Protein backbone atom coordinates (compact mmCIF):
# COMPACT_ATOMS: atom_id res chain seq x y z
CA MET A 1 0.16 0.55 0.50
CA ILE A 2 1.57 3.18 -0.79
CA ASN A 3 0.92 6.02 1.15
CA ASP A 4 -1.16 9.39 0.65
CA LEU A 5 1.41 12.32 1.12
CA THR A 6 -1.52 14.64 -1.09
CA SER A 7 -2.63 17.75 1.03
CA LYS A 8 -6.47 17.48 1.49
CA PRO A 9 -8.90 20.31 2.18
CA ASN A 10 -7.93 22.01 5.45
CA GLY A 11 -6.09 19.11 6.45
CA ILE A 12 -2.31 18.22 6.77
CA THR A 13 -0.05 17.03 4.40
CA ALA A 14 1.13 13.09 5.52
CA GLY A 15 4.92 13.20 6.56
CA GLN A 16 5.14 17.00 7.47
CA VAL A 17 6.12 18.19 10.97
CA MET A 18 3.43 20.87 11.61
CA LYS A 19 2.66 22.31 15.51
CA ALA A 20 -0.71 21.27 16.10
CA ALA A 21 -1.39 24.91 18.39
CA ASP A 22 -0.81 26.63 15.36
CA LEU A 23 -3.36 25.47 12.62
CA VAL A 24 -5.69 27.12 14.24
CA GLY A 25 -6.00 30.63 15.45
CA TYR A 26 -7.73 32.82 18.29
CA GLN A 27 -11.07 35.11 16.99
CA SER A 28 -12.69 37.79 19.40
CA GLY A 29 -15.92 36.28 21.11
CA ALA A 30 -15.83 33.31 19.15
CA VAL A 31 -14.66 29.16 19.06
CA VAL A 32 -12.41 27.71 15.91
CA SER A 33 -12.35 25.06 14.77
CA ARG A 34 -10.36 22.76 12.39
CA GLU A 35 -11.27 19.30 10.75
CA ILE A 36 -7.68 18.07 9.80
CA VAL A 37 -8.64 14.13 9.66
CA LYS A 38 -12.20 13.14 8.70
CA MET A 39 -12.54 9.12 8.18
CA PRO A 40 -14.33 6.56 9.15
CA ALA A 41 -13.06 5.31 12.11
CA GLY A 42 -13.52 8.81 12.98
CA ASN A 43 -12.15 12.30 12.98
CA ILE A 44 -9.55 15.34 14.51
CA THR A 45 -10.32 18.12 14.86
CA ILE A 46 -8.76 21.59 16.37
CA PHE A 47 -10.29 23.83 18.41
CA SER A 48 -9.70 27.43 19.43
CA PHE A 49 -12.03 29.38 22.03
CA ASP A 50 -12.42 32.47 23.37
CA GLU A 51 -11.92 33.67 26.96
CA GLY A 52 -15.82 32.82 28.56
CA GLN A 53 -16.43 31.15 24.44
CA GLY A 54 -17.55 26.74 25.01
CA LEU A 55 -19.40 24.33 23.17
CA SER A 56 -23.40 24.22 24.86
CA GLU A 57 -24.37 21.00 26.48
CA HIS A 58 -24.86 17.82 24.20
CA LYS A 59 -24.89 14.28 24.06
CA THR A 60 -22.31 12.12 20.95
CA PRO A 61 -22.58 8.21 20.12
CA PHE A 62 -19.21 8.30 20.00
CA ASP A 63 -16.52 8.96 23.07
CA ALA A 64 -14.41 12.04 22.41
CA LEU A 65 -10.52 11.61 23.82
CA VAL A 66 -10.07 15.76 24.54
CA GLN A 67 -6.02 17.11 24.44
CA VAL A 68 -5.70 20.49 25.66
CA LEU A 69 -2.83 22.55 23.43
CA GLU A 70 -2.94 25.81 25.33
CA GLY A 71 -5.45 27.67 28.22
CA GLU A 72 -7.57 26.14 30.29
CA ALA A 73 -11.41 24.66 30.51
CA GLU A 74 -13.96 23.70 32.61
CA VAL A 75 -15.48 19.79 31.29
CA PHE A 76 -18.87 18.76 32.29
CA ILE A 77 -19.70 15.51 31.86
CA GLU A 78 -22.68 14.48 33.42
CA GLY A 79 -23.55 17.90 35.52
CA LYS A 80 -20.26 17.19 37.33
CA PRO A 81 -17.01 19.95 36.35
CA HIS A 82 -13.75 18.62 35.10
CA HIS A 83 -10.67 21.61 35.51
CA ILE A 84 -8.48 20.80 32.21
CA GLN A 85 -5.03 22.49 31.56
CA SER A 86 -2.19 22.03 28.70
CA GLY A 87 -1.05 19.13 28.40
CA GLU A 88 -3.63 17.10 30.13
CA ILE A 89 -6.43 14.83 28.05
CA ILE A 90 -9.81 13.96 29.04
CA LEU A 91 -11.70 11.08 27.74
CA MET A 92 -15.98 12.52 27.25
CA PRO A 93 -18.00 9.21 27.04
CA ALA A 94 -20.53 8.74 24.77
CA ASN A 95 -24.10 8.66 25.29
CA GLN A 96 -23.07 11.31 27.87
CA LEU A 97 -23.98 14.58 28.61
CA HIS A 98 -21.07 16.73 28.54
CA ALA A 99 -20.04 20.79 27.92
CA LEU A 100 -16.49 22.79 27.93
CA LYS A 101 -16.24 26.21 28.58
CA ALA A 102 -12.92 28.13 27.97
CA LEU A 103 -11.71 30.07 31.12
CA LYS A 104 -8.78 31.40 29.15
CA GLN A 105 -8.20 31.36 25.71
CA PHE A 106 -8.18 27.84 24.67
CA LYS A 107 -6.91 25.69 22.30
CA MET A 108 -8.09 21.63 21.75
CA ILE A 109 -7.36 18.58 19.85
CA LEU A 110 -10.53 16.33 19.79
CA THR A 111 -10.48 12.53 18.37
CA MET A 112 -13.82 11.34 17.75
CA MET A 113 -13.81 7.53 17.82
CA HIS A 114 -16.37 6.14 15.94
CA SER A 115 -15.35 2.80 16.20
């Protein structure tokens, strides 16, 4: 099997070394996202959140792993708060209510596992 070394729309190029935090910038009063991998087995998306911004409470049918690149946030799983900061990870289980709020400007990698 030959590796595909071509660029993918909004994604990354195979074999290219990059800093994940540089793939998405901050916008005042906003949440910004960039999907860098989309496959049947799952997606990887990089997010930036301005201070005070977040994702409202919701459920997904898949487990999702948050890896913090910069800043601090509060992740709520079934209403329980979890303080996370740069260098830390947290798993948000499938079919459980979860939400997120940036305590400071915050960047994360979200890996959604479909199988």
